[in-house]
């Protein structure tokens, strides 16, 4: 099966976030704490990763011709200012969701699937996870 469309989707979302939030780094892993070269926490950043995966093949054909992939994509937004004011995260929620769901893609469906706040426990940067259900079919 060709997973390149899923890689392309993740890269498109990273690109959309980088364009909308110039200067904020975007990582492709589940991280809640990033330190710079001086060992200081990065104050604001994004993460984009897949955390659930399901594949089905039409007619049980074990080839790459007809398949559908369903994944759960998570976009994390972290901002140290949220340690004293959670509304910092809420203020960005609509724009982040719109940047993901509004991507002009063919053969890919993206739907909102909830979210959750991530505490800044143990010195980590507080943030919010946005979940999306993504389906790709050839």
N, C-alpha and C. Protein backbone atom coordinates (compact mmCIF):
# COMPACT_ATOMS: atom_id res chain seq x y z
N UNK A 1 0.83 -1.17 0.00
CA UNK A 1 0.00 0.00 0.00
C UNK A 1 0.89 1.25 0.00
N UNK A 2 0.45 2.25 -0.72
CA UNK A 2 1.20 3.49 -0.82
C UNK A 2 0.72 4.47 0.24
N UNK A 3 1.55 4.72 1.23
CA UNK A 3 1.19 5.66 2.29
C UNK A 3 1.67 7.08 2.00
N UNK A 4 2.20 7.29 0.81
CA UNK A 4 2.68 8.63 0.47
C UNK A 4 1.60 9.70 0.64
N UNK A 5 0.32 9.41 0.29
CA UNK A 5 -0.70 10.45 0.52
C UNK A 5 -0.80 10.88 1.98
N UNK A 6 -0.59 9.94 2.91
CA UNK A 6 -0.64 10.31 4.33
C UNK A 6 0.55 11.17 4.73
N UNK A 7 1.71 10.85 4.17
CA UNK A 7 2.89 11.68 4.42
C UNK A 7 2.68 13.07 3.82
N UNK A 8 2.13 13.10 2.60
CA UNK A 8 1.86 14.39 1.96
C UNK A 8 0.86 15.21 2.76
N UNK A 9 -0.16 14.55 3.32
CA UNK A 9 -1.14 15.26 4.13
C UNK A 9 -0.49 15.86 5.36
N UNK A 10 0.30 15.08 6.06
CA UNK A 10 0.98 15.60 7.24
C UNK A 10 1.86 16.80 6.87
N UNK A 11 2.57 16.70 5.76
CA UNK A 11 3.42 17.81 5.32
C UNK A 11 2.60 19.03 4.92
N UNK A 12 1.42 18.79 4.31
CA UNK A 12 0.55 19.91 3.94
C UNK A 12 0.04 20.63 5.18
N UNK A 13 -0.30 19.86 6.21
CA UNK A 13 -0.76 20.48 7.45
C UNK A 13 0.37 21.24 8.13
N UNK A 14 1.55 20.65 8.13
CA UNK A 14 2.71 21.36 8.68
C UNK A 14 2.93 22.68 7.93
N UNK A 15 2.81 22.62 6.61
CA UNK A 15 3.00 23.82 5.80
C UNK A 15 1.94 24.88 6.07
N UNK A 16 0.69 24.44 6.22
CA UNK A 16 -0.39 25.38 6.50
C UNK A 16 -0.20 26.06 7.85
N UNK A 17 0.21 25.28 8.85
CA UNK A 17 0.44 25.86 10.17
C UNK A 17 1.64 26.81 10.15
N UNK A 18 2.70 26.41 9.46
CA UNK A 18 3.89 27.27 9.37
C UNK A 18 3.57 28.58 8.66
N UNK A 19 2.69 28.51 7.66
CA UNK A 19 2.31 29.74 6.94
C UNK A 19 1.44 30.63 7.80
N UNK A 20 0.52 30.03 8.56
CA UNK A 20 -0.39 30.81 9.40
C UNK A 20 0.28 31.35 10.65
N UNK A 21 1.31 30.64 11.11
CA UNK A 21 2.01 31.02 12.34
C UNK A 21 3.50 31.12 12.07
N UNK A 22 3.87 32.08 11.28
CA UNK A 22 5.27 32.25 10.88
C UNK A 22 6.19 32.31 12.09
N UNK A 23 7.25 31.54 12.02
CA UNK A 23 8.24 31.56 13.08
C UNK A 23 8.04 30.54 14.17
N UNK A 24 6.85 29.90 14.22
CA UNK A 24 6.64 28.86 15.23
C UNK A 24 7.05 27.52 14.65
N UNK A 25 7.89 26.78 15.32
CA UNK A 25 8.31 25.48 14.78
C UNK A 25 7.18 24.46 14.80
N UNK A 26 7.22 23.51 13.85
CA UNK A 26 6.23 22.45 13.75
C UNK A 26 6.98 21.12 13.74
N UNK A 27 6.66 20.25 14.68
CA UNK A 27 7.34 18.96 14.80
C UNK A 27 6.40 17.82 14.39
N UNK A 28 6.97 16.69 13.99
CA UNK A 28 6.16 15.57 13.53
C UNK A 28 6.19 14.41 14.52
N UNK A 29 6.06 14.72 15.77
CA UNK A 29 6.04 13.69 16.80
C UNK A 29 5.19 14.18 17.97
N UNK A 30 4.86 13.26 18.86
CA UNK A 30 4.10 13.62 20.06
C UNK A 30 5.07 14.12 21.11
N UNK A 31 5.18 15.43 21.20
CA UNK A 31 6.08 16.04 22.18
C UNK A 31 5.32 17.14 22.91
N UNK A 32 5.64 17.33 24.16
CA UNK A 32 5.03 18.41 24.94
C UNK A 32 6.08 19.36 25.50
N UNK A 33 7.34 19.09 25.21
CA UNK A 33 8.40 19.92 25.75
C UNK A 33 9.59 19.87 24.78
N UNK A 34 9.96 21.01 24.29
CA UNK A 34 11.12 21.12 23.39
C UNK A 34 12.06 22.16 23.98
N UNK A 35 13.34 21.84 24.04
CA UNK A 35 14.31 22.81 24.54
C UNK A 35 15.21 23.28 23.41
N UNK A 36 15.61 24.53 23.48
CA UNK A 36 16.50 25.08 22.46
C UNK A 36 17.95 24.73 22.79
N UNK A 37 18.88 25.29 22.03
CA UNK A 37 20.30 24.98 22.21
C UNK A 37 20.82 25.37 23.59
N UNK A 38 20.14 26.33 24.23
CA UNK A 38 20.55 26.76 25.57
C UNK A 38 19.85 25.99 26.68
N UNK A 39 19.04 24.98 26.31
CA UNK A 39 18.32 24.20 27.30
C UNK A 39 17.07 24.86 27.84
N UNK A 40 16.62 25.91 27.17
CA UNK A 40 15.43 26.65 27.59
C UNK A 40 14.23 26.13 26.80
N UNK A 41 13.09 25.96 27.48
CA UNK A 41 11.88 25.50 26.80
C UNK A 41 11.49 26.43 25.66
N UNK A 42 11.16 25.82 24.52
CA UNK A 42 10.59 26.60 23.42
C UNK A 42 9.21 27.05 23.87
N UNK A 43 8.92 28.33 23.71
CA UNK A 43 7.70 28.91 24.29
C UNK A 43 6.43 28.57 23.52
N UNK A 44 6.54 28.38 22.20
CA UNK A 44 5.35 28.15 21.39
C UNK A 44 5.72 27.25 20.22
N UNK A 45 4.97 26.16 20.04
CA UNK A 45 5.28 25.25 18.93
C UNK A 45 4.08 24.36 18.63
N UNK A 46 4.15 23.67 17.50
CA UNK A 46 3.11 22.74 17.06
C UNK A 46 3.68 21.34 16.93
N UNK A 47 2.81 20.36 17.04
CA UNK A 47 3.16 18.98 16.71
C UNK A 47 2.08 18.43 15.78
N UNK A 48 2.47 17.57 14.85
CA UNK A 48 1.53 16.93 13.94
C UNK A 48 1.92 15.46 13.84
N UNK A 49 1.00 14.57 14.19
CA UNK A 49 1.35 13.15 14.13
C UNK A 49 0.09 12.29 14.00
N UNK A 50 0.28 11.08 13.53
CA UNK A 50 -0.79 10.09 13.45
C UNK A 50 -0.70 9.18 14.66
N UNK A 51 -1.84 8.88 15.28
CA UNK A 51 -1.77 8.02 16.46
C UNK A 51 -2.69 6.80 16.40
N UNK A 52 -3.53 6.68 15.37
CA UNK A 52 -4.31 5.47 15.16
C UNK A 52 -4.37 5.21 13.67
N UNK A 53 -4.49 3.94 13.28
CA UNK A 53 -4.40 3.59 11.87
C UNK A 53 -5.26 2.36 11.60
N UNK A 54 -6.01 2.40 10.51
CA UNK A 54 -6.80 1.24 10.10
C UNK A 54 -6.82 1.20 8.58
N UNK A 55 -6.56 0.04 8.03
CA UNK A 55 -6.53 -0.13 6.58
C UNK A 55 -7.53 -1.19 6.17
N UNK A 56 -8.21 -0.97 5.08
CA UNK A 56 -9.09 -2.00 4.54
C UNK A 56 -8.87 -2.11 3.05
N UNK A 57 -8.96 -3.32 2.55
CA UNK A 57 -8.80 -3.58 1.13
C UNK A 57 -10.13 -4.03 0.56
N UNK A 58 -10.57 -3.41 -0.53
CA UNK A 58 -11.81 -3.82 -1.16
C UNK A 58 -11.69 -5.22 -1.72
N UNK A 59 -12.75 -6.01 -1.54
CA UNK A 59 -12.80 -7.38 -2.06
C UNK A 59 -11.68 -8.26 -1.54
N UNK A 60 -11.09 -7.87 -0.43
CA UNK A 60 -10.01 -8.64 0.18
C UNK A 60 -8.85 -8.89 -0.78
N UNK A 61 -8.67 -8.01 -1.72
CA UNK A 61 -7.55 -8.13 -2.67
C UNK A 61 -6.28 -7.66 -1.97
N UNK A 62 -5.30 -8.53 -1.89
CA UNK A 62 -4.06 -8.19 -1.18
C UNK A 62 -3.07 -7.52 -2.11
N UNK A 63 -3.47 -6.36 -2.59
CA UNK A 63 -2.58 -5.59 -3.46
C UNK A 63 -2.78 -4.11 -3.17
N UNK A 64 -2.14 -3.28 -3.95
CA UNK A 64 -2.21 -1.84 -3.73
C UNK A 64 -3.28 -1.16 -4.57
N UNK A 65 -4.10 -1.92 -5.27
CA UNK A 65 -5.01 -1.31 -6.22
C UNK A 65 -6.18 -0.59 -5.57
N UNK A 66 -6.88 -1.26 -4.66
CA UNK A 66 -8.07 -0.69 -4.05
C UNK A 66 -7.96 -0.78 -2.54
N UNK A 67 -7.80 0.35 -1.91
CA UNK A 67 -7.69 0.33 -0.46
C UNK A 67 -8.21 1.64 0.12
N UNK A 68 -8.48 1.60 1.39
CA UNK A 68 -8.91 2.77 2.13
C UNK A 68 -8.14 2.81 3.45
N UNK A 69 -7.70 3.97 3.82
CA UNK A 69 -6.94 4.14 5.05
C UNK A 69 -7.67 5.15 5.93
N UNK A 70 -7.90 4.78 7.19
CA UNK A 70 -8.48 5.70 8.16
C UNK A 70 -7.45 5.92 9.26
N UNK A 71 -7.17 7.16 9.56
CA UNK A 71 -6.18 7.47 10.59
C UNK A 71 -6.72 8.56 11.50
N UNK A 72 -6.20 8.59 12.69
CA UNK A 72 -6.46 9.69 13.61
C UNK A 72 -5.22 10.57 13.60
N UNK A 73 -5.42 11.81 13.20
CA UNK A 73 -4.32 12.77 13.20
C UNK A 73 -4.48 13.69 14.39
N UNK A 74 -3.38 13.98 15.04
CA UNK A 74 -3.38 14.91 16.17
C UNK A 74 -2.50 16.10 15.84
N UNK A 75 -3.05 17.27 16.04
CA UNK A 75 -2.29 18.51 15.93
C UNK A 75 -2.21 19.10 17.32
N UNK A 76 -1.01 19.29 17.81
CA UNK A 76 -0.82 19.87 19.13
C UNK A 76 -0.36 21.31 19.02
N UNK A 77 -0.94 22.17 19.84
CA UNK A 77 -0.50 23.56 19.91
C UNK A 77 -0.08 23.83 21.35
N UNK A 78 1.14 24.26 21.54
CA UNK A 78 1.70 24.48 22.87
C UNK A 78 2.20 25.92 22.99
N UNK A 79 1.85 26.55 24.11
CA UNK A 79 2.25 27.93 24.33
C UNK A 79 2.44 28.12 25.83
N UNK A 80 3.64 28.54 26.22
CA UNK A 80 3.94 28.68 27.65
C UNK A 80 3.08 29.74 28.32
N UNK A 81 2.51 30.69 27.54
CA UNK A 81 1.63 31.69 28.13
C UNK A 81 0.37 31.06 28.71
N UNK A 82 0.02 29.86 28.27
CA UNK A 82 -1.17 29.18 28.78
C UNK A 82 -1.00 28.68 30.21
N UNK A 83 0.20 28.73 30.74
CA UNK A 83 0.40 28.29 32.12
C UNK A 83 -0.30 29.22 33.10
N UNK A 84 -0.54 30.46 32.69
CA UNK A 84 -1.27 31.40 33.54
C UNK A 84 -2.59 31.85 32.93
N UNK A 85 -2.82 31.54 31.63
CA UNK A 85 -4.05 31.97 30.97
C UNK A 85 -4.41 30.98 29.87
N UNK A 86 -5.32 30.06 30.19
CA UNK A 86 -5.70 29.01 29.24
C UNK A 86 -6.41 29.58 28.00
N UNK A 87 -6.95 30.77 28.09
CA UNK A 87 -7.65 31.36 26.96
C UNK A 87 -6.71 31.61 25.78
N UNK A 88 -5.40 31.62 26.05
CA UNK A 88 -4.42 31.74 24.97
C UNK A 88 -4.59 30.59 23.98
N UNK A 89 -4.84 29.40 24.51
CA UNK A 89 -5.04 28.23 23.66
C UNK A 89 -6.39 28.31 22.95
N UNK A 90 -7.42 28.66 23.70
CA UNK A 90 -8.77 28.74 23.12
C UNK A 90 -8.83 29.76 21.99
N UNK A 91 -8.08 30.84 22.12
CA UNK A 91 -8.11 31.90 21.11
C UNK A 91 -7.60 31.42 19.75
N UNK A 92 -6.73 30.42 19.76
CA UNK A 92 -6.16 29.91 18.50
C UNK A 92 -6.93 28.71 17.94
N UNK A 93 -7.81 28.13 18.74
CA UNK A 93 -8.46 26.87 18.36
C UNK A 93 -9.17 26.94 17.01
N UNK A 94 -9.97 27.95 16.79
CA UNK A 94 -10.72 28.07 15.55
C UNK A 94 -9.81 28.16 14.33
N UNK A 95 -8.75 28.95 14.43
CA UNK A 95 -7.83 29.11 13.30
C UNK A 95 -7.08 27.82 13.01
N UNK A 96 -6.69 27.11 14.05
CA UNK A 96 -5.96 25.86 13.85
C UNK A 96 -6.86 24.82 13.18
N UNK A 97 -8.07 24.69 13.68
CA UNK A 97 -9.01 23.73 13.07
C UNK A 97 -9.28 24.10 11.61
N UNK A 98 -9.47 25.38 11.34
CA UNK A 98 -9.75 25.83 9.97
C UNK A 98 -8.56 25.56 9.05
N UNK A 99 -7.35 25.73 9.55
CA UNK A 99 -6.16 25.48 8.74
C UNK A 99 -6.06 24.02 8.33
N UNK A 100 -6.51 23.12 9.20
CA UNK A 100 -6.44 21.69 8.90
C UNK A 100 -7.61 21.24 8.03
N UNK A 101 -8.82 21.52 8.47
CA UNK A 101 -10.01 21.06 7.75
C UNK A 101 -10.14 21.73 6.39
N UNK A 102 -9.64 22.94 6.25
CA UNK A 102 -9.81 23.70 5.02
C UNK A 102 -8.78 23.42 3.94
N UNK A 103 -7.91 22.46 4.15
CA UNK A 103 -6.92 22.16 3.12
C UNK A 103 -7.59 21.68 1.85
N UNK A 104 -7.21 22.21 0.69
CA UNK A 104 -7.82 21.79 -0.58
C UNK A 104 -7.20 20.48 -1.07
N UNK A 105 -7.78 19.36 -0.64
CA UNK A 105 -7.23 18.06 -0.97
C UNK A 105 -8.25 17.23 -1.74
N UNK A 106 -7.77 16.35 -2.60
CA UNK A 106 -8.66 15.42 -3.29
C UNK A 106 -8.43 14.02 -2.74
N UNK A 107 -9.48 13.25 -2.67
CA UNK A 107 -9.46 11.85 -2.20
C UNK A 107 -9.13 11.74 -0.71
N UNK A 108 -9.16 12.84 0.01
CA UNK A 108 -8.89 12.83 1.44
C UNK A 108 -10.02 13.57 2.15
N UNK A 109 -10.62 12.92 3.14
CA UNK A 109 -11.65 13.54 3.96
C UNK A 109 -11.07 13.79 5.35
N UNK A 110 -11.27 15.01 5.86
CA UNK A 110 -10.79 15.37 7.19
C UNK A 110 -11.98 15.88 7.99
N UNK A 111 -12.20 15.29 9.16
CA UNK A 111 -13.29 15.72 10.03
C UNK A 111 -12.76 15.96 11.44
N UNK A 112 -13.32 16.97 12.10
CA UNK A 112 -12.95 17.23 13.49
C UNK A 112 -13.37 16.05 14.36
N UNK A 113 -12.53 15.74 15.34
CA UNK A 113 -12.82 14.60 16.21
C UNK A 113 -12.54 14.91 17.68
N UNK A 114 -12.61 16.18 18.05
CA UNK A 114 -12.45 16.53 19.46
C UNK A 114 -11.08 17.09 19.79
N UNK A 115 -10.83 17.20 21.07
CA UNK A 115 -9.56 17.74 21.53
C UNK A 115 -9.44 17.61 23.03
N UNK A 116 -8.29 17.99 23.55
CA UNK A 116 -8.08 17.97 25.00
C UNK A 116 -6.93 18.90 25.36
N UNK A 117 -7.02 19.43 26.58
CA UNK A 117 -5.96 20.27 27.09
C UNK A 117 -4.84 19.40 27.65
N UNK A 118 -3.61 19.86 27.47
CA UNK A 118 -2.42 19.17 27.97
C UNK A 118 -1.80 20.08 29.04
N UNK A 119 -1.71 19.58 30.23
CA UNK A 119 -1.18 20.41 31.32
C UNK A 119 0.32 20.63 31.17
N UNK A 120 0.78 21.64 31.83
CA UNK A 120 2.20 21.94 31.83
C UNK A 120 2.91 21.30 33.00
N UNK A 121 2.52 20.07 33.33
CA UNK A 121 3.10 19.38 34.50
C UNK A 121 4.59 19.12 34.30
N UNK A 122 5.31 19.12 35.38
CA UNK A 122 6.75 18.81 35.40
C UNK A 122 7.57 19.70 34.48
N UNK A 123 7.16 20.95 34.34
CA UNK A 123 7.93 21.90 33.56
C UNK A 123 7.66 21.88 32.07
N UNK A 124 6.76 20.99 31.60
CA UNK A 124 6.42 20.95 30.17
C UNK A 124 5.60 22.18 29.81
N UNK A 125 5.57 22.49 28.54
CA UNK A 125 4.80 23.63 28.05
C UNK A 125 3.33 23.18 27.93
N UNK A 126 2.38 23.93 28.50
CA UNK A 126 0.98 23.54 28.39
C UNK A 126 0.48 23.73 26.96
N UNK A 127 -0.54 22.93 26.61
CA UNK A 127 -1.04 23.03 25.25
C UNK A 127 -2.40 22.40 25.08
N UNK A 128 -2.71 22.15 23.83
CA UNK A 128 -4.00 21.58 23.48
C UNK A 128 -3.81 20.65 22.29
N UNK A 129 -4.43 19.47 22.36
CA UNK A 129 -4.44 18.55 21.23
C UNK A 129 -5.74 18.71 20.47
N UNK A 130 -5.65 18.76 19.15
CA UNK A 130 -6.81 18.76 18.27
C UNK A 130 -6.79 17.46 17.50
N UNK A 131 -7.89 16.71 17.58
CA UNK A 131 -7.96 15.41 16.90
C UNK A 131 -8.77 15.53 15.62
N UNK A 132 -8.31 14.83 14.58
CA UNK A 132 -9.00 14.81 13.30
C UNK A 132 -9.05 13.38 12.79
N UNK A 133 -10.21 12.99 12.26
CA UNK A 133 -10.33 11.69 11.60
C UNK A 133 -10.09 11.93 10.12
N UNK A 134 -9.14 11.19 9.57
CA UNK A 134 -8.72 11.36 8.18
C UNK A 134 -8.93 10.05 7.44
N UNK A 135 -9.56 10.13 6.28
CA UNK A 135 -9.77 8.94 5.44
C UNK A 135 -9.22 9.24 4.06
N UNK A 136 -8.41 8.31 3.59
CA UNK A 136 -7.88 8.39 2.22
C UNK A 136 -8.26 7.12 1.49
N UNK A 137 -8.73 7.25 0.28
CA UNK A 137 -9.05 6.09 -0.54
C UNK A 137 -8.56 6.33 -1.95
N UNK A 138 -7.98 5.28 -2.53
CA UNK A 138 -7.53 5.43 -3.91
C UNK A 138 -8.66 5.10 -4.86
